[in-house]
Amino acid sequence: MRVTVKVDSEGYCVVGGSDQYDLRTRPQDIEQIEPARRYPALRNFLAYVNSGESLFITFGCKVWSEVDVEEGATEAWVFGSRVDIIFLHQADNFVQAPLEDVSRWIAELLERESGALWADLRVTPAKFSPEQEGYCLRLSLCARGATSGQAEIRWGLGMTHAQQAVLFVARALRQ
């Protein structure tokens, strides 16, 4: 899997809001997230990353499918997702370095995956309130396939791998 890790200085993630759900304290709210209802791999990722054994929580996600005719690509369909992640303990989100370390570690684990997948991990500024800024980790994962269905299946396998990488890092940081 091709993996890029970047520190993004442009734009902001917005943490909190009426369209966001606290899946750690109210796991049943996952039913309110349309992409999680449609895609079991995303649903499982969100459930496990927000579980009691994780040091992270999610606060946003999106999924897309498109035809992308990249030069030299033999498979035109792309299926992708983005999940926004922060540390469970708010204080850990106000320094950039810990999320940079986490992104590099997740990247190392994901690089062992198939060449039909690619991931982008970005440490991005985040607004926690009008007067509080910090950082979040944006994990985007995409898969290419000859058909839309094949790309989606590959993406699902990649999401499972990403879930395992995030949980592995969470467990290691706990020790």
C-alpha atoms as a PDB file:
ATOM      1  CA  MET A   1       0.000   0.000   0.000  1.00  0.00           C
ATOM      2  CA  ARG A   2       1.259   3.489  -0.806  1.00  0.00           C
ATOM      3  CA  VAL A   3       1.069   5.606   2.313  1.00  0.00           C
ATOM      4  CA  THR A   4       1.756   9.320   2.683  1.00  0.00           C
ATOM      5  CA  VAL A   5       2.095  11.148   5.990  1.00  0.00           C
ATOM      6  CA  LYS A   6       1.751  14.938   5.969  1.00  0.00           C
ATOM      7  CA  VAL A   7       1.412  17.782   8.391  1.00  0.00           C
ATOM      8  CA  ASP A   8      -1.325  19.949   6.935  1.00  0.00           C
ATOM      9  CA  SER A   9      -1.260  23.637   7.824  1.00  0.00           C
ATOM     10  CA  GLU A  10      -4.261  24.591   5.689  1.00  0.00           C
ATOM     11  CA  GLY A  11      -7.885  24.186   6.672  1.00  0.00           C
ATOM     12  CA  TYR A  12      -9.366  22.943   9.913  1.00  0.00           C
ATOM     13  CA  CYS A  13     -11.232  19.971  11.237  1.00  0.00           C
ATOM     14  CA  VAL A  14     -14.174  21.039  13.382  1.00  0.00           C
ATOM     15  CA  VAL A  15     -14.515  18.902  16.497  1.00  0.00           C
ATOM     16  CA  GLY A  16     -18.022  18.928  17.944  1.00  0.00           C
ATOM     17  CA  GLY A  17     -21.289  20.076  16.501  1.00  0.00           C
ATOM     18  CA  SER A  18     -24.878  18.989  16.112  1.00  0.00           C
ATOM     19  CA  ASP A  19     -24.083  16.540  13.293  1.00  0.00           C
ATOM     20  CA  GLN A  20     -21.437  14.647  15.288  1.00  0.00           C
ATOM     21  CA  TYR A  21     -21.985  11.689  17.605  1.00  0.00           C
ATOM     22  CA  ASP A  22     -20.073  10.515  20.673  1.00  0.00           C
ATOM     23  CA  LEU A  23     -19.750   6.829  19.803  1.00  0.00           C
ATOM     24  CA  ARG A  24     -17.742   6.072  22.924  1.00  0.00           C
ATOM     25  CA  THR A  25     -20.530   7.003  25.350  1.00  0.00           C
ATOM     26  CA  ARG A  26     -23.434   6.269  22.968  1.00  0.00           C
ATOM     27  CA  PRO A  27     -22.321   3.441  20.631  1.00  0.00           C
ATOM     28  CA  GLN A  28     -25.927   2.994  19.453  1.00  0.00           C
ATOM     29  CA  ASP A  29     -25.654   6.392  17.698  1.00  0.00           C
ATOM     30  CA  ILE A  30     -23.687   4.622  14.967  1.00  0.00           C
ATOM     31  CA  GLU A  31     -27.139   3.918  13.483  1.00  0.00           C
ATOM     32  CA  GLN A  32     -27.456   7.665  12.793  1.00  0.00           C
ATOM     33  CA  ILE A  33     -24.368   7.657  10.537  1.00  0.00           C
ATOM     34  CA  GLU A  34     -25.554   6.782   7.032  1.00  0.00           C
ATOM     35  CA  PRO A  35     -22.159   5.593   5.640  1.00  0.00           C
ATOM     36  CA  ALA A  36     -21.714   3.328   8.686  1.00  0.00           C
ATOM     37  CA  ARG A  37     -25.110   1.742   8.027  1.00  0.00           C
ATOM     38  CA  ARG A  38     -24.245   1.124   4.351  1.00  0.00           C
ATOM     39  CA  TYR A  39     -20.639  -0.092   4.701  1.00  0.00           C
ATOM     40  CA  PRO A  40     -19.888  -2.752   7.358  1.00  0.00           C
ATOM     41  CA  ALA A  41     -16.113  -2.172   7.134  1.00  0.00           C
ATOM     42  CA  LEU A  42     -16.548   1.496   8.090  1.00  0.00           C
ATOM     43  CA  ARG A  43     -19.070   0.573  10.783  1.00  0.00           C
ATOM     44  CA  ASN A  44     -16.603  -1.880  12.352  1.00  0.00           C
ATOM     45  CA  PHE A  45     -13.750   0.627  12.101  1.00  0.00           C
ATOM     46  CA  LEU A  46     -15.809   3.307  13.892  1.00  0.00           C
ATOM     47  CA  ALA A  47     -17.055   0.847  16.525  1.00  0.00           C
ATOM     48  CA  TYR A  48     -13.588  -0.430  17.412  1.00  0.00           C
ATOM     49  CA  VAL A  49     -11.746   2.895  17.258  1.00  0.00           C
ATOM     50  CA  ASN A  50     -14.359   4.382  19.626  1.00  0.00           C
ATOM     51  CA  SER A  51     -14.386   1.323  21.926  1.00  0.00           C
ATOM     52  CA  GLY A  52     -13.123   1.161  25.498  1.00  0.00           C
ATOM     53  CA  GLU A  53      -9.852  -0.464  24.449  1.00  0.00           C
ATOM     54  CA  SER A  54      -8.881   2.455  22.193  1.00  0.00           C
ATOM     55  CA  LEU A  55      -7.107   5.689  23.124  1.00  0.00           C
ATOM     56  CA  PHE A  56      -8.800   7.436  20.211  1.00  0.00           C
ATOM     57  CA  ILE A  57     -12.231   8.700  19.212  1.00  0.00           C
ATOM     58  CA  THR A  58     -13.596   9.656  15.825  1.00  0.00           C
ATOM     59  CA  PHE A  59     -15.589  12.770  15.052  1.00  0.00           C
ATOM     60  CA  GLY A  60     -16.240  12.646  11.324  1.00  0.00           C
ATOM     61  CA  CYS A  61     -16.256  10.364   8.299  1.00  0.00           C
ATOM     62  CA  LYS A  62     -17.212  10.269   4.654  1.00  0.00           C
ATOM     63  CA  VAL A  63     -17.219   7.711   1.828  1.00  0.00           C
ATOM     64  CA  TRP A  64     -17.065   8.141  -1.950  1.00  0.00           C
ATOM     65  CA  SER A  65     -16.832   6.190  -5.193  1.00  0.00           C
ATOM     66  CA  GLU A  66     -15.661   7.566  -8.525  1.00  0.00           C
ATOM     67  CA  VAL A  67     -14.136   6.747 -11.863  1.00  0.00           C
ATOM     68  CA  ASP A  68     -10.549   8.013 -11.885  1.00  0.00           C
ATOM     69  CA  VAL A  69      -8.643   7.492 -15.097  1.00  0.00           C
ATOM     70  CA  GLU A  70      -5.113   7.999 -13.826  1.00  0.00           C
ATOM     71  CA  GLU A  71      -2.384   7.712 -16.423  1.00  0.00           C
ATOM     72  CA  GLY A  72      -1.138   4.135 -16.513  1.00  0.00           C
ATOM     73  CA  ALA A  73      -3.914   2.824 -14.259  1.00  0.00           C
ATOM     74  CA  THR A  74      -5.391  -0.469 -15.426  1.00  0.00           C
ATOM     75  CA  GLU A  75      -8.356  -0.215 -13.049  1.00  0.00           C
ATOM     76  CA  ALA A  76     -10.494   2.918 -13.252  1.00  0.00           C
ATOM     77  CA  TRP A  77     -12.851   2.648 -10.259  1.00  0.00           C
ATOM     78  CA  VAL A  78     -11.830   4.158  -6.914  1.00  0.00           C
ATOM     79  CA  PHE A  79     -13.651   3.654  -3.624  1.00  0.00           C
ATOM     80  CA  GLY A  80     -12.475   5.708  -0.663  1.00  0.00           C
ATOM     81  CA  SER A  81     -13.177   7.013   2.790  1.00  0.00           C
ATOM     82  CA  ARG A  82     -11.909   9.546   5.282  1.00  0.00           C
ATOM     83  CA  VAL A  83     -12.167   9.286   9.068  1.00  0.00           C
ATOM     84  CA  ASP A  84     -11.194  12.107  11.443  1.00  0.00           C
ATOM     85  CA  ILE A  85      -9.538  10.881  14.655  1.00  0.00           C
ATOM     86  CA  ILE A  86      -8.399  12.531  17.884  1.00  0.00           C
ATOM     87  CA  PHE A  87      -6.989  11.295  21.180  1.00  0.00           C
ATOM     88  CA  LEU A  88      -9.602  10.425  23.792  1.00  0.00           C
ATOM     89  CA  HIS A  89      -7.880  12.635  26.386  1.00  0.00           C
ATOM     90  CA  GLN A  90      -8.410  16.162  25.083  1.00  0.00           C
ATOM     91  CA  ALA A  91      -5.095  17.509  26.424  1.00  0.00           C
ATOM     92  CA  ASP A  92      -3.172  15.183  24.086  1.00  0.00           C
ATOM     93  CA  ASN A  93      -4.699  16.924  21.048  1.00  0.00           C
ATOM     94  CA  PHE A  94      -3.143  20.344  21.654  1.00  0.00           C
ATOM     95  CA  VAL A  95       0.410  19.325  20.718  1.00  0.00           C
ATOM     96  CA  GLN A  96       1.174  18.238  17.164  1.00  0.00           C
ATOM     97  CA  ALA A  97       4.039  15.782  17.795  1.00  0.00           C
ATOM     98  CA  PRO A  98       2.052  12.874  19.338  1.00  0.00           C
ATOM     99  CA  LEU A  99      -0.299  12.685  16.343  1.00  0.00           C
ATOM    100  CA  GLU A 100       2.664  12.884  13.967  1.00  0.00           C
ATOM    101  CA  ASP A 101       4.231   9.903  15.768  1.00  0.00           C
ATOM    102  CA  VAL A 102       0.934   7.976  15.663  1.00  0.00           C
ATOM    103  CA  SER A 103       0.538   8.678  11.913  1.00  0.00           C
ATOM    104  CA  ARG A 104       4.052   7.420  11.131  1.00  0.00           C
ATOM    105  CA  TRP A 105       3.450   4.273  13.170  1.00  0.00           C
ATOM    106  CA  ILE A 106       0.107   3.568  11.473  1.00  0.00           C
ATOM    107  CA  ALA A 107       1.758   4.240   8.097  1.00  0.00           C
ATOM    108  CA  GLU A 108       4.448   1.631   8.802  1.00  0.00           C
ATOM    109  CA  LEU A 109       1.778  -0.949   9.598  1.00  0.00           C
ATOM    110  CA  LEU A 110      -0.327  -0.094   6.527  1.00  0.00           C
ATOM    111  CA  GLU A 111       2.582  -0.182   4.055  1.00  0.00           C
ATOM    112  CA  ARG A 112       2.507  -3.982   4.197  1.00  0.00           C
ATOM    113  CA  GLU A 113      -0.883  -4.065   2.410  1.00  0.00           C
ATOM    114  CA  SER A 114      -1.776  -4.585  -1.282  1.00  0.00           C
ATOM    115  CA  GLY A 115      -0.706  -2.200  -4.062  1.00  0.00           C
ATOM    116  CA  ALA A 116      -4.355  -1.618  -5.064  1.00  0.00           C
ATOM    117  CA  LEU A 117      -4.787   0.436  -1.882  1.00  0.00           C
ATOM    118  CA  TRP A 118      -3.395   3.756  -0.783  1.00  0.00           C
ATOM    119  CA  ALA A 119      -3.696   5.804   2.380  1.00  0.00           C
ATOM    120  CA  ASP A 120      -3.136   9.416   3.287  1.00  0.00           C
ATOM    121  CA  LEU A 121      -2.556  10.319   6.937  1.00  0.00           C
ATOM    122  CA  ARG A 122      -2.662  14.051   7.711  1.00  0.00           C
ATOM    123  CA  VAL A 123      -2.122  15.814  10.993  1.00  0.00           C
ATOM    124  CA  THR A 124      -4.489  18.748  10.543  1.00  0.00           C
ATOM    125  CA  PRO A 125      -5.325  21.766  12.698  1.00  0.00           C
ATOM    126  CA  ALA A 126      -8.626  21.321  14.555  1.00  0.00           C
ATOM    127  CA  LYS A 127     -11.016  23.708  16.263  1.00  0.00           C
ATOM    128  CA  PHE A 128     -12.314  22.236  19.507  1.00  0.00           C
ATOM    129  CA  SER A 129     -14.167  25.437  20.399  1.00  0.00           C
ATOM    130  CA  PRO A 130     -13.988  29.052  19.193  1.00  0.00           C
ATOM    131  CA  GLU A 131     -11.103  29.673  21.582  1.00  0.00           C
ATOM    132  CA  GLN A 132      -9.413  26.250  21.587  1.00  0.00           C
ATOM    133  CA  GLU A 133      -7.349  24.906  18.718  1.00  0.00           C
ATOM    134  CA  GLY A 134      -5.439  21.650  18.511  1.00  0.00           C
ATOM    135  CA  TYR A 135      -4.830  18.856  16.011  1.00  0.00           C
ATOM    136  CA  CYS A 136      -6.590  15.845  14.551  1.00  0.00           C
ATOM    137  CA  LEU A 137      -5.485  12.922  12.392  1.00  0.00           C
ATOM    138  CA  ARG A 138      -7.289  12.525   9.056  1.00  0.00           C
ATOM    139  CA  LEU A 139      -6.992   8.979   7.745  1.00  0.00           C
ATOM    140  CA  SER A 140      -8.046   8.606   4.119  1.00  0.00           C
ATOM    141  CA  LEU A 141      -8.020   5.166   2.523  1.00  0.00           C
ATOM    142  CA  CYS A 142      -8.734   4.408  -1.137  1.00  0.00           C
ATOM    143  CA  ALA A 143      -8.777   1.274  -3.257  1.00  0.00           C
ATOM    144  CA  ARG A 144      -8.749   0.799  -7.003  1.00  0.00           C
ATOM    145  CA  GLY A 145     -10.608  -1.928  -8.889  1.00  0.00           C
ATOM    146  CA  ALA A 146     -11.743  -2.938 -12.368  1.00  0.00           C
ATOM    147  CA  THR A 147     -15.351  -2.412 -11.212  1.00  0.00           C
ATOM    148  CA  SER A 148     -17.006  -0.344  -8.508  1.00  0.00           C
ATOM    149  CA  GLY A 149     -17.728  -3.535  -6.555  1.00  0.00           C
ATOM    150  CA  GLN A 150     -14.149  -4.770  -6.719  1.00  0.00           C
ATOM    151  CA  ALA A 151     -12.839  -1.390  -5.526  1.00  0.00           C
ATOM    152  CA  GLU A 152     -15.327  -1.440  -2.627  1.00  0.00           C
ATOM    153  CA  ILE A 153     -14.292  -4.957  -1.579  1.00  0.00           C
ATOM    154  CA  ARG A 154     -10.602  -4.012  -1.632  1.00  0.00           C
ATOM    155  CA  TRP A 155     -11.401  -0.844   0.354  1.00  0.00           C
ATOM    156  CA  GLY A 156     -13.253  -2.959   2.942  1.00  0.00           C
ATOM    157  CA  LEU A 157     -10.226  -5.197   3.387  1.00  0.00           C
ATOM    158  CA  GLY A 158      -8.043  -2.097   3.707  1.00  0.00           C
ATOM    159  CA  MET A 159     -10.381  -0.619   6.339  1.00  0.00           C
ATOM    160  CA  THR A 160     -10.064  -3.809   8.362  1.00  0.00           C
ATOM    161  CA  HIS A 161      -6.289  -3.529   8.134  1.00  0.00           C
ATOM    162  CA  ALA A 162      -6.420   0.162   9.114  1.00  0.00           C
ATOM    163  CA  GLN A 163      -8.644  -0.701  12.086  1.00  0.00           C
ATOM    164  CA  GLN A 164      -6.110  -3.267  13.271  1.00  0.00           C
ATOM    165  CA  ALA A 165      -3.231  -0.781  12.834  1.00  0.00           C
ATOM    166  CA  VAL A 166      -5.015   1.925  14.868  1.00  0.00           C
ATOM    167  CA  LEU A 167      -5.901  -0.521  17.646  1.00  0.00           C
ATOM    168  CA  PHE A 168      -2.348  -1.909  17.693  1.00  0.00           C
ATOM    169  CA  VAL A 169      -0.987   1.629  18.158  1.00  0.00           C
ATOM    170  CA  ALA A 170      -3.584   2.354  20.879  1.00  0.00           C
ATOM    171  CA  ARG A 171      -2.590  -0.792  22.803  1.00  0.00           C
ATOM    172  CA  ALA A 172       1.121  -0.029  22.440  1.00  0.00           C
ATOM    173  CA  LEU A 173       0.648   3.554  23.673  1.00  0.00           C
ATOM    174  CA  ARG A 174      -1.238   2.273  26.735  1.00  0.00           C
ATOM    175  CA  GLN A 175       1.779   0.250  27.889  1.00  0.00           C
END
